[in-house]
N, C-alpha and C. Protein backbone atom coordinates (compact mmCIF):
# COMPACT_ATOMS: atom_id res chain seq x y z
N MET A 1 87.87 107.00 73.24
CA MET A 1 88.37 106.07 74.23
C MET A 1 88.13 106.63 75.63
N PRO A 2 87.69 105.83 76.54
CA PRO A 2 87.46 106.33 77.90
C PRO A 2 88.73 106.31 78.76
N VAL A 3 88.66 107.07 79.86
CA VAL A 3 89.69 106.99 80.88
C VAL A 3 89.57 105.61 81.52
N LYS A 4 90.69 104.97 81.79
CA LYS A 4 90.68 103.61 82.35
C LYS A 4 91.66 103.51 83.50
N LEU A 5 91.26 102.80 84.55
CA LEU A 5 92.16 102.42 85.63
C LEU A 5 92.61 101.00 85.35
N ILE A 6 93.91 100.79 85.27
CA ILE A 6 94.47 99.48 84.96
C ILE A 6 95.22 98.98 86.19
N ARG A 7 94.99 97.73 86.51
CA ARG A 7 95.65 97.10 87.67
C ARG A 7 96.51 95.95 87.17
N PRO A 8 97.76 96.22 86.78
CA PRO A 8 98.62 95.13 86.31
C PRO A 8 98.80 94.07 87.41
N ARG A 9 98.89 92.84 86.98
CA ARG A 9 99.05 91.73 87.93
C ARG A 9 100.52 91.62 88.35
N ARG A 10 100.72 91.50 89.64
CA ARG A 10 102.06 91.31 90.19
C ARG A 10 102.25 89.85 90.57
N PHE A 11 103.44 89.36 90.29
CA PHE A 11 103.81 87.99 90.65
C PHE A 11 104.88 88.09 91.72
N GLY A 12 104.59 87.60 92.91
CA GLY A 12 105.51 87.76 94.03
C GLY A 12 105.96 86.46 94.64
N ASP A 13 107.09 86.54 95.30
CA ASP A 13 107.60 85.44 96.10
C ASP A 13 108.45 86.05 97.21
N ASP A 14 109.27 85.24 97.87
CA ASP A 14 110.03 85.74 99.01
C ASP A 14 111.12 86.74 98.61
N ARG A 15 111.40 86.88 97.34
CA ARG A 15 112.39 87.86 96.88
C ARG A 15 111.79 89.24 96.64
N GLY A 16 110.47 89.28 96.42
CA GLY A 16 109.79 90.52 96.06
C GLY A 16 108.71 90.24 95.03
N TRP A 17 108.64 91.06 93.98
CA TRP A 17 107.62 90.86 92.96
C TRP A 17 108.12 91.27 91.59
N PHE A 18 107.36 90.85 90.56
CA PHE A 18 107.61 91.20 89.17
C PHE A 18 106.28 91.63 88.57
N VAL A 19 106.31 92.67 87.72
CA VAL A 19 105.09 93.11 87.04
C VAL A 19 105.44 93.54 85.62
N GLU A 20 104.58 93.20 84.70
CA GLU A 20 104.69 93.68 83.33
C GLU A 20 103.92 95.00 83.28
N THR A 21 104.62 96.12 83.12
CA THR A 21 103.98 97.44 83.17
C THR A 21 103.39 97.88 81.85
N TYR A 22 103.78 97.25 80.75
CA TYR A 22 103.19 97.55 79.45
C TYR A 22 103.50 96.41 78.49
N ASN A 23 102.51 96.08 77.67
CA ASN A 23 102.67 95.04 76.67
C ASN A 23 101.84 95.46 75.46
N ALA A 24 102.49 95.77 74.34
CA ALA A 24 101.80 96.28 73.14
C ALA A 24 100.81 95.27 72.58
N GLY A 25 100.99 94.01 72.86
CA GLY A 25 100.05 93.00 72.40
C GLY A 25 98.84 92.86 73.30
N ARG A 26 99.00 93.12 74.59
CA ARG A 26 97.94 92.90 75.56
C ARG A 26 97.12 94.15 75.88
N TYR A 27 97.73 95.31 75.86
CA TYR A 27 97.01 96.52 76.27
C TYR A 27 95.83 96.87 75.37
N PRO A 28 95.87 96.59 74.05
CA PRO A 28 94.65 96.82 73.27
C PRO A 28 93.47 95.99 73.78
N GLU A 29 93.72 94.80 74.30
CA GLU A 29 92.66 93.98 74.88
C GLU A 29 92.07 94.63 76.13
N LEU A 30 92.85 95.49 76.78
CA LEU A 30 92.39 96.21 77.97
C LEU A 30 91.71 97.53 77.61
N GLY A 31 91.57 97.81 76.31
CA GLY A 31 90.95 99.06 75.87
C GLY A 31 91.92 100.19 75.66
N VAL A 32 93.20 99.88 75.49
CA VAL A 32 94.23 100.89 75.27
C VAL A 32 94.96 100.55 73.96
N PRO A 33 94.30 100.80 72.81
CA PRO A 33 94.90 100.48 71.51
C PRO A 33 95.77 101.63 71.00
N VAL A 34 96.82 101.94 71.73
CA VAL A 34 97.63 103.12 71.46
C VAL A 34 99.08 102.72 71.26
N THR A 35 99.75 103.40 70.35
CA THR A 35 101.19 103.24 70.20
C THR A 35 101.85 104.38 70.96
N PHE A 36 102.69 104.05 71.91
CA PHE A 36 103.38 105.06 72.70
C PHE A 36 104.76 105.34 72.09
N VAL A 37 105.15 106.63 72.10
CA VAL A 37 106.39 107.04 71.45
C VAL A 37 107.34 107.81 72.37
N GLN A 38 106.89 108.14 73.58
CA GLN A 38 107.72 108.92 74.49
C GLN A 38 107.42 108.50 75.92
N ASP A 39 108.46 108.36 76.74
CA ASP A 39 108.31 108.10 78.17
C ASP A 39 108.82 109.31 78.95
N ASN A 40 108.08 109.69 80.00
CA ASN A 40 108.46 110.80 80.87
C ASN A 40 108.57 110.30 82.30
N HIS A 41 109.41 110.97 83.09
CA HIS A 41 109.64 110.59 84.48
C HIS A 41 109.81 111.88 85.27
N SER A 42 109.00 112.06 86.32
CA SER A 42 109.13 113.24 87.17
C SER A 42 109.39 112.81 88.61
N MET A 43 110.08 113.67 89.35
CA MET A 43 110.29 113.46 90.77
C MET A 43 109.87 114.75 91.47
N SER A 44 109.06 114.62 92.49
CA SER A 44 108.59 115.77 93.27
C SER A 44 109.04 115.58 94.70
N ARG A 45 109.80 116.54 95.21
CA ARG A 45 110.36 116.42 96.56
C ARG A 45 109.32 116.53 97.66
N ASP A 46 108.38 117.45 97.49
CA ASP A 46 107.48 117.79 98.59
C ASP A 46 106.09 117.21 98.44
N VAL A 47 105.47 116.87 99.55
CA VAL A 47 104.05 116.53 99.58
C VAL A 47 103.29 117.79 99.16
N GLY A 48 102.28 117.62 98.34
CA GLY A 48 101.50 118.77 97.88
C GLY A 48 102.01 119.40 96.61
N THR A 49 103.00 118.77 95.97
CA THR A 49 103.45 119.28 94.66
C THR A 49 102.36 118.92 93.66
N LEU A 50 101.82 119.94 93.01
CA LEU A 50 100.72 119.75 92.08
C LEU A 50 101.22 120.06 90.67
N ARG A 51 101.03 119.11 89.77
CA ARG A 51 101.42 119.27 88.37
C ARG A 51 100.15 119.12 87.53
N GLY A 52 99.79 120.18 86.83
CA GLY A 52 98.61 120.11 85.97
C GLY A 52 97.72 121.31 86.18
N LEU A 53 96.69 121.30 85.48
CA LEU A 53 96.05 120.31 84.63
C LEU A 53 96.49 120.56 83.18
N HIS A 54 97.17 119.61 82.57
CA HIS A 54 97.81 119.82 81.28
C HIS A 54 97.20 118.96 80.17
N TYR A 55 97.37 119.46 78.94
CA TYR A 55 97.09 118.67 77.75
C TYR A 55 97.94 119.20 76.61
N GLN A 56 98.01 118.44 75.53
CA GLN A 56 98.63 118.90 74.29
C GLN A 56 97.54 118.90 73.23
N ALA A 57 97.41 120.03 72.53
CA ALA A 57 96.38 120.20 71.51
C ALA A 57 96.74 119.47 70.23
N PRO A 58 95.71 119.11 69.46
CA PRO A 58 95.96 118.52 68.14
C PRO A 58 96.76 119.52 67.28
N PRO A 59 97.59 119.04 66.40
CA PRO A 59 97.75 117.66 65.97
C PRO A 59 98.73 116.87 66.84
N ASN A 60 99.10 117.42 67.98
CA ASN A 60 100.08 116.77 68.85
C ASN A 60 99.45 116.25 70.14
N GLY A 61 98.16 115.95 70.10
CA GLY A 61 97.48 115.43 71.28
C GLY A 61 98.15 114.17 71.81
N GLN A 62 98.14 114.02 73.12
CA GLN A 62 98.80 112.87 73.74
C GLN A 62 97.84 112.04 74.59
N ASP A 63 97.77 110.74 74.28
CA ASP A 63 97.21 109.78 75.22
C ASP A 63 98.33 109.53 76.23
N LYS A 64 97.97 109.32 77.50
CA LYS A 64 98.99 109.07 78.52
C LYS A 64 98.63 107.82 79.32
N LEU A 65 99.65 107.07 79.67
CA LEU A 65 99.52 105.92 80.58
C LEU A 65 100.42 106.23 81.77
N VAL A 66 99.79 106.56 82.91
CA VAL A 66 100.48 107.12 84.07
C VAL A 66 100.61 106.08 85.18
N ARG A 67 101.78 106.05 85.82
CA ARG A 67 101.97 105.19 86.99
C ARG A 67 102.93 105.87 87.96
N CYS A 68 102.78 105.55 89.22
CA CYS A 68 103.65 106.08 90.27
C CYS A 68 104.64 104.98 90.64
N VAL A 69 105.93 105.29 90.53
CA VAL A 69 106.95 104.27 90.81
C VAL A 69 107.62 104.45 92.17
N ARG A 70 107.37 105.57 92.82
CA ARG A 70 107.87 105.81 94.18
C ARG A 70 106.92 106.79 94.85
N GLY A 71 106.45 106.47 96.04
CA GLY A 71 105.54 107.35 96.76
C GLY A 71 104.10 107.14 96.36
N ALA A 72 103.35 108.26 96.27
CA ALA A 72 101.92 108.19 95.98
C ALA A 72 101.42 109.50 95.41
N ILE A 73 100.42 109.40 94.51
CA ILE A 73 99.78 110.59 93.94
C ILE A 73 98.27 110.40 93.92
N TRP A 74 97.58 111.53 93.88
CA TRP A 74 96.16 111.57 93.54
C TRP A 74 96.14 112.06 92.12
N ASP A 75 95.74 111.20 91.19
CA ASP A 75 95.83 111.45 89.75
C ASP A 75 94.44 111.73 89.20
N VAL A 76 94.32 112.74 88.33
CA VAL A 76 93.01 113.17 87.87
C VAL A 76 93.00 113.42 86.36
N ALA A 77 91.85 113.12 85.75
CA ALA A 77 91.61 113.42 84.33
C ALA A 77 90.30 114.21 84.25
N VAL A 78 90.33 115.34 83.53
CA VAL A 78 89.16 116.21 83.38
C VAL A 78 88.77 116.24 81.91
N ASP A 79 87.50 116.01 81.63
CA ASP A 79 86.98 116.04 80.26
C ASP A 79 86.97 117.48 79.76
N VAL A 80 87.73 117.76 78.69
CA VAL A 80 87.79 119.11 78.10
C VAL A 80 87.38 119.08 76.62
N ARG A 81 86.57 118.09 76.23
CA ARG A 81 86.13 117.96 74.84
C ARG A 81 84.87 118.79 74.60
N LYS A 82 84.94 119.71 73.62
CA LYS A 82 83.78 120.54 73.26
C LYS A 82 82.59 119.66 72.91
N GLY A 83 81.43 120.00 73.45
CA GLY A 83 80.21 119.27 73.13
C GLY A 83 79.99 118.01 73.94
N SER A 84 80.92 117.65 74.78
CA SER A 84 80.77 116.44 75.59
C SER A 84 79.73 116.68 76.68
N PRO A 85 78.82 115.73 76.90
CA PRO A 85 77.87 115.90 78.00
C PRO A 85 78.56 115.84 79.37
N THR A 86 79.81 115.39 79.41
CA THR A 86 80.55 115.34 80.67
C THR A 86 81.69 116.37 80.68
N PHE A 87 81.57 117.41 79.84
CA PHE A 87 82.57 118.49 79.79
C PHE A 87 82.76 119.07 81.20
N GLY A 88 84.02 119.15 81.64
CA GLY A 88 84.32 119.70 82.96
C GLY A 88 84.19 118.70 84.10
N LYS A 89 83.71 117.51 83.81
CA LYS A 89 83.64 116.46 84.84
C LYS A 89 84.99 115.75 84.92
N TRP A 90 85.20 115.04 86.01
CA TRP A 90 86.52 114.44 86.25
C TRP A 90 86.40 113.08 86.90
N VAL A 91 87.49 112.33 86.80
CA VAL A 91 87.68 111.08 87.54
C VAL A 91 89.07 111.13 88.15
N ALA A 92 89.25 110.42 89.25
CA ALA A 92 90.55 110.42 89.92
C ALA A 92 90.80 109.06 90.56
N ALA A 93 92.08 108.78 90.75
CA ALA A 93 92.49 107.53 91.41
C ALA A 93 93.79 107.79 92.16
N GLU A 94 93.97 107.06 93.25
CA GLU A 94 95.24 107.11 93.95
C GLU A 94 96.16 106.07 93.33
N LEU A 95 97.28 106.55 92.80
CA LEU A 95 98.29 105.67 92.23
C LEU A 95 99.47 105.69 93.18
N THR A 96 99.93 104.50 93.56
CA THR A 96 101.06 104.41 94.48
C THR A 96 102.07 103.40 93.95
N ALA A 97 103.28 103.52 94.45
CA ALA A 97 104.29 102.51 94.11
C ALA A 97 103.84 101.16 94.66
N GLU A 98 103.15 101.18 95.78
CA GLU A 98 102.70 99.94 96.41
C GLU A 98 101.58 99.25 95.63
N ASN A 99 100.56 100.02 95.17
CA ASN A 99 99.44 99.36 94.49
C ASN A 99 99.72 99.09 93.01
N GLY A 100 100.65 99.82 92.39
CA GLY A 100 101.02 99.57 91.01
C GLY A 100 99.97 99.90 89.97
N HIS A 101 98.90 100.56 90.36
CA HIS A 101 97.84 100.90 89.41
C HIS A 101 98.33 101.93 88.39
N GLN A 102 97.65 101.94 87.24
CA GLN A 102 97.96 102.88 86.17
C GLN A 102 96.67 103.58 85.75
N LEU A 103 96.79 104.84 85.32
CA LEU A 103 95.64 105.55 84.79
C LEU A 103 95.91 105.87 83.33
N PHE A 104 95.00 105.40 82.46
CA PHE A 104 95.09 105.74 81.04
C PHE A 104 94.24 106.99 80.82
N VAL A 105 94.88 108.06 80.32
CA VAL A 105 94.22 109.34 80.08
C VAL A 105 94.26 109.60 78.57
N PRO A 106 93.10 109.51 77.89
CA PRO A 106 93.11 109.69 76.44
C PRO A 106 93.18 111.16 76.03
N ILE A 107 93.45 111.37 74.76
CA ILE A 107 93.42 112.71 74.18
C ILE A 107 92.03 113.30 74.44
N GLY A 108 92.00 114.59 74.78
CA GLY A 108 90.74 115.26 75.06
C GLY A 108 90.47 115.44 76.54
N PHE A 109 91.43 115.00 77.36
CA PHE A 109 91.31 115.14 78.80
C PHE A 109 92.52 115.88 79.34
N ALA A 110 92.27 116.84 80.24
CA ALA A 110 93.37 117.50 80.95
C ALA A 110 93.80 116.57 82.07
N HIS A 111 95.11 116.50 82.30
CA HIS A 111 95.66 115.57 83.29
C HIS A 111 96.45 116.33 84.34
N GLY A 112 96.35 115.89 85.58
CA GLY A 112 97.15 116.46 86.65
C GLY A 112 97.23 115.52 87.82
N PHE A 113 98.17 115.82 88.71
CA PHE A 113 98.28 115.03 89.93
C PHE A 113 98.89 115.87 91.04
N VAL A 114 98.65 115.42 92.27
CA VAL A 114 99.28 116.02 93.44
C VAL A 114 99.95 114.90 94.22
N THR A 115 101.13 115.20 94.75
CA THR A 115 101.88 114.19 95.49
C THR A 115 101.35 114.06 96.92
N LEU A 116 101.29 112.82 97.37
CA LEU A 116 100.80 112.50 98.71
C LEU A 116 101.93 112.10 99.66
N GLN A 117 103.11 111.86 99.10
CA GLN A 117 104.28 111.49 99.88
C GLN A 117 105.49 112.26 99.35
N PRO A 118 106.50 112.48 100.21
CA PRO A 118 107.71 113.15 99.72
C PRO A 118 108.49 112.26 98.76
N HIS A 119 109.26 112.91 97.91
CA HIS A 119 110.14 112.23 96.94
C HIS A 119 109.36 111.24 96.08
N THR A 120 108.21 111.68 95.60
CA THR A 120 107.37 110.84 94.75
C THR A 120 107.86 110.91 93.30
N GLU A 121 107.87 109.74 92.66
CA GLU A 121 108.28 109.66 91.25
C GLU A 121 107.14 109.08 90.42
N VAL A 122 106.92 109.72 89.28
CA VAL A 122 105.85 109.34 88.37
C VAL A 122 106.45 109.12 86.99
N GLU A 123 106.02 108.04 86.35
CA GLU A 123 106.42 107.76 84.97
C GLU A 123 105.15 107.68 84.12
N TYR A 124 105.24 108.22 82.91
CA TYR A 124 104.11 108.05 82.01
C TYR A 124 104.54 107.98 80.56
N LYS A 125 103.81 107.15 79.84
CA LYS A 125 104.01 106.96 78.42
C LYS A 125 103.10 107.93 77.68
N CYS A 126 103.55 108.43 76.52
CA CYS A 126 102.77 109.35 75.70
C CYS A 126 102.69 108.84 74.27
N SER A 127 101.56 109.09 73.63
CA SER A 127 101.34 108.62 72.26
C SER A 127 101.84 109.60 71.20
N ALA A 128 102.30 110.77 71.61
CA ALA A 128 102.86 111.76 70.67
C ALA A 128 104.04 112.43 71.37
N LEU A 129 104.95 112.92 70.57
CA LEU A 129 106.10 113.63 71.11
C LEU A 129 105.67 114.98 71.66
N TYR A 130 106.36 115.44 72.69
CA TYR A 130 106.08 116.75 73.26
C TYR A 130 106.29 117.83 72.20
N ALA A 131 105.37 118.79 72.13
CA ALA A 131 105.47 119.92 71.21
C ALA A 131 105.07 121.18 71.98
N GLN A 132 106.02 122.04 72.26
CA GLN A 132 105.77 123.23 73.08
C GLN A 132 104.62 124.07 72.54
N GLN A 133 104.52 124.19 71.22
CA GLN A 133 103.48 125.02 70.63
C GLN A 133 102.07 124.46 70.85
N SER A 134 101.98 123.21 71.29
CA SER A 134 100.68 122.58 71.52
C SER A 134 100.30 122.51 72.99
N GLU A 135 101.14 123.06 73.88
CA GLU A 135 100.85 123.04 75.32
C GLU A 135 99.55 123.76 75.63
N GLY A 136 98.79 123.19 76.53
CA GLY A 136 97.58 123.84 77.01
C GLY A 136 97.26 123.33 78.40
N GLY A 137 96.28 123.96 79.01
CA GLY A 137 95.90 123.51 80.33
C GLY A 137 94.79 124.33 80.93
N VAL A 138 94.37 123.88 82.11
CA VAL A 138 93.30 124.49 82.87
C VAL A 138 93.84 124.70 84.29
N ILE A 139 93.49 125.82 84.88
CA ILE A 139 93.96 126.13 86.24
C ILE A 139 93.47 125.06 87.22
N TRP A 140 94.34 124.68 88.11
CA TRP A 140 94.10 123.57 89.04
C TRP A 140 92.90 123.78 89.96
N ASN A 141 92.62 125.05 90.31
CA ASN A 141 91.57 125.34 91.30
C ASN A 141 90.33 125.97 90.66
N ASP A 142 90.05 125.66 89.42
CA ASP A 142 88.88 126.18 88.73
C ASP A 142 87.62 125.80 89.52
N PRO A 143 86.86 126.79 90.01
CA PRO A 143 85.68 126.46 90.81
C PRO A 143 84.60 125.72 90.02
N ALA A 144 84.58 125.86 88.71
CA ALA A 144 83.59 125.14 87.90
C ALA A 144 83.88 123.64 87.88
N ILE A 145 85.12 123.26 88.03
CA ILE A 145 85.49 121.84 88.07
C ILE A 145 85.42 121.33 89.51
N ALA A 146 85.82 122.15 90.46
CA ALA A 146 85.72 121.85 91.90
C ALA A 146 86.42 120.55 92.29
N LEU A 147 87.68 120.43 91.92
CA LEU A 147 88.44 119.24 92.30
C LEU A 147 88.76 119.27 93.80
N PRO A 148 88.51 118.18 94.50
CA PRO A 148 88.80 118.12 95.94
C PRO A 148 90.24 117.66 96.19
N TRP A 149 91.19 118.45 95.71
CA TRP A 149 92.61 118.07 95.84
C TRP A 149 92.94 117.77 97.30
N PRO A 150 93.58 116.66 97.59
CA PRO A 150 94.03 116.36 98.96
C PRO A 150 95.35 117.09 99.24
N LEU A 151 95.23 118.33 99.68
CA LEU A 151 96.40 119.21 99.84
C LEU A 151 96.81 119.35 101.30
N PRO A 152 98.10 119.60 101.52
CA PRO A 152 98.55 119.90 102.89
C PRO A 152 98.04 121.28 103.30
N PRO A 153 98.11 121.62 104.60
CA PRO A 153 97.59 122.89 105.09
C PRO A 153 98.16 124.13 104.37
N GLY A 154 99.39 124.09 103.91
CA GLY A 154 99.98 125.24 103.23
C GLY A 154 99.58 125.39 101.78
N GLY A 155 98.77 124.47 101.26
CA GLY A 155 98.35 124.53 99.87
C GLY A 155 99.35 123.86 98.95
N PRO A 156 99.11 123.94 97.64
CA PRO A 156 99.97 123.23 96.69
C PRO A 156 101.27 123.97 96.40
N LYS A 157 102.24 123.20 95.94
CA LYS A 157 103.48 123.76 95.39
C LYS A 157 103.33 123.67 93.88
N LEU A 158 103.34 124.83 93.20
CA LEU A 158 103.06 124.91 91.78
C LEU A 158 104.24 125.49 91.01
N SER A 159 104.31 125.16 89.73
CA SER A 159 105.27 125.81 88.84
C SER A 159 104.70 127.17 88.45
N PRO A 160 105.56 128.13 88.07
CA PRO A 160 105.03 129.42 87.61
C PRO A 160 104.05 129.26 86.44
N LYS A 161 104.30 128.30 85.57
CA LYS A 161 103.41 128.08 84.42
C LYS A 161 102.03 127.60 84.88
N ASP A 162 102.00 126.72 85.89
CA ASP A 162 100.72 126.20 86.35
C ASP A 162 99.93 127.23 87.15
N GLU A 163 100.60 128.23 87.70
CA GLU A 163 99.91 129.27 88.47
C GLU A 163 99.07 130.18 87.59
N ILE A 164 99.37 130.25 86.29
CA ILE A 164 98.69 131.22 85.42
C ILE A 164 97.81 130.58 84.35
N LEU A 165 97.54 129.29 84.44
CA LEU A 165 96.62 128.67 83.49
C LEU A 165 95.23 129.28 83.66
N THR A 166 94.41 129.20 82.62
CA THR A 166 93.09 129.82 82.65
C THR A 166 92.02 128.83 83.11
N ALA A 167 90.87 129.39 83.44
CA ALA A 167 89.72 128.57 83.81
C ALA A 167 89.17 127.89 82.56
N LEU A 168 88.49 126.79 82.76
CA LEU A 168 87.96 126.00 81.66
C LEU A 168 87.02 126.83 80.79
N ASP A 169 86.15 127.64 81.39
CA ASP A 169 85.19 128.42 80.60
C ASP A 169 85.84 129.61 79.89
N GLU A 170 87.09 129.94 80.20
CA GLU A 170 87.80 131.04 79.53
C GLU A 170 88.63 130.53 78.35
N ALA A 171 88.86 129.23 78.29
CA ALA A 171 89.69 128.66 77.23
C ALA A 171 88.81 128.13 76.11
N SER A 172 89.35 128.09 74.92
CA SER A 172 88.67 127.49 73.79
C SER A 172 89.24 126.09 73.61
N SER A 173 88.45 125.08 73.91
CA SER A 173 88.94 123.71 73.85
C SER A 173 89.30 123.32 72.42
N PRO A 174 90.48 122.73 72.22
CA PRO A 174 90.87 122.28 70.89
C PRO A 174 90.39 120.86 70.57
N PHE A 175 89.59 120.27 71.46
CA PHE A 175 89.18 118.87 71.32
C PHE A 175 87.70 118.75 71.00
N ALA A 176 87.37 117.86 70.08
CA ALA A 176 85.98 117.58 69.74
C ALA A 176 85.51 116.35 70.51
N TYR A 177 84.25 116.33 70.82
CA TYR A 177 83.63 115.18 71.50
C TYR A 177 83.58 114.00 70.54
N ASP A 178 83.97 112.83 71.00
CA ASP A 178 84.05 111.63 70.16
C ASP A 178 82.86 110.68 70.35
N GLY A 179 81.86 111.09 71.10
CA GLY A 179 80.68 110.24 71.29
C GLY A 179 80.73 109.37 72.52
N GLN A 180 81.86 109.38 73.25
CA GLN A 180 81.97 108.57 74.47
C GLN A 180 82.07 109.49 75.68
N PRO A 181 81.00 109.57 76.50
CA PRO A 181 81.07 110.41 77.68
C PRO A 181 82.03 109.82 78.71
N LEU A 182 82.50 110.67 79.58
CA LEU A 182 83.34 110.21 80.70
C LEU A 182 82.49 109.32 81.60
N GLU A 183 83.05 108.18 81.97
CA GLU A 183 82.35 107.27 82.86
C GLU A 183 83.16 107.10 84.13
N PRO A 184 82.50 106.74 85.23
CA PRO A 184 83.24 106.51 86.48
C PRO A 184 84.26 105.37 86.28
N ILE A 185 85.35 105.47 87.01
CA ILE A 185 86.32 104.38 87.02
C ILE A 185 86.22 103.71 88.37
N ASP A 186 86.62 102.47 88.41
CA ASP A 186 86.61 101.72 89.66
C ASP A 186 87.89 102.04 90.39
N ALA A 187 87.89 103.16 91.13
CA ALA A 187 89.10 103.60 91.82
C ALA A 187 89.10 103.09 93.24
């Protein structure tokens, strides 16, 4: 399954707007034929808070459907599937509370984001339950990936765990290539 940018339709009037953020009957038609079993919600106080690049290894791999419900993020997915012709390549999109866009990140991709506004909140659905023994990731500033993170002058605010992740070429990817290379998204 490829990474997808989804733009849910908003219905507005003088009171505000309404949006359907997920529909198990409709999302397979959008290329997201996944059953989600866990919802996560994070709040980041500072601009430049960077979370990632994370994944969960099989058998606990997680597809994710990410959206920003307050503030704004630069959201990224990096192909970490062994044998993929797009291994180490990435796509990114700006997700904001205002635009309502969602990024679908399938199993086999490392995911991360950096906050662009203070007090940013992110919610995401996962297709598998969190399993600590399956945690994995790639260091955010791996020069081989060369992500152009939009960071404030002081650099990112990281968790101790994210500060010590390894480079992509130092890790042994637990994901096999499924025959679908990473393609650009209409961000």
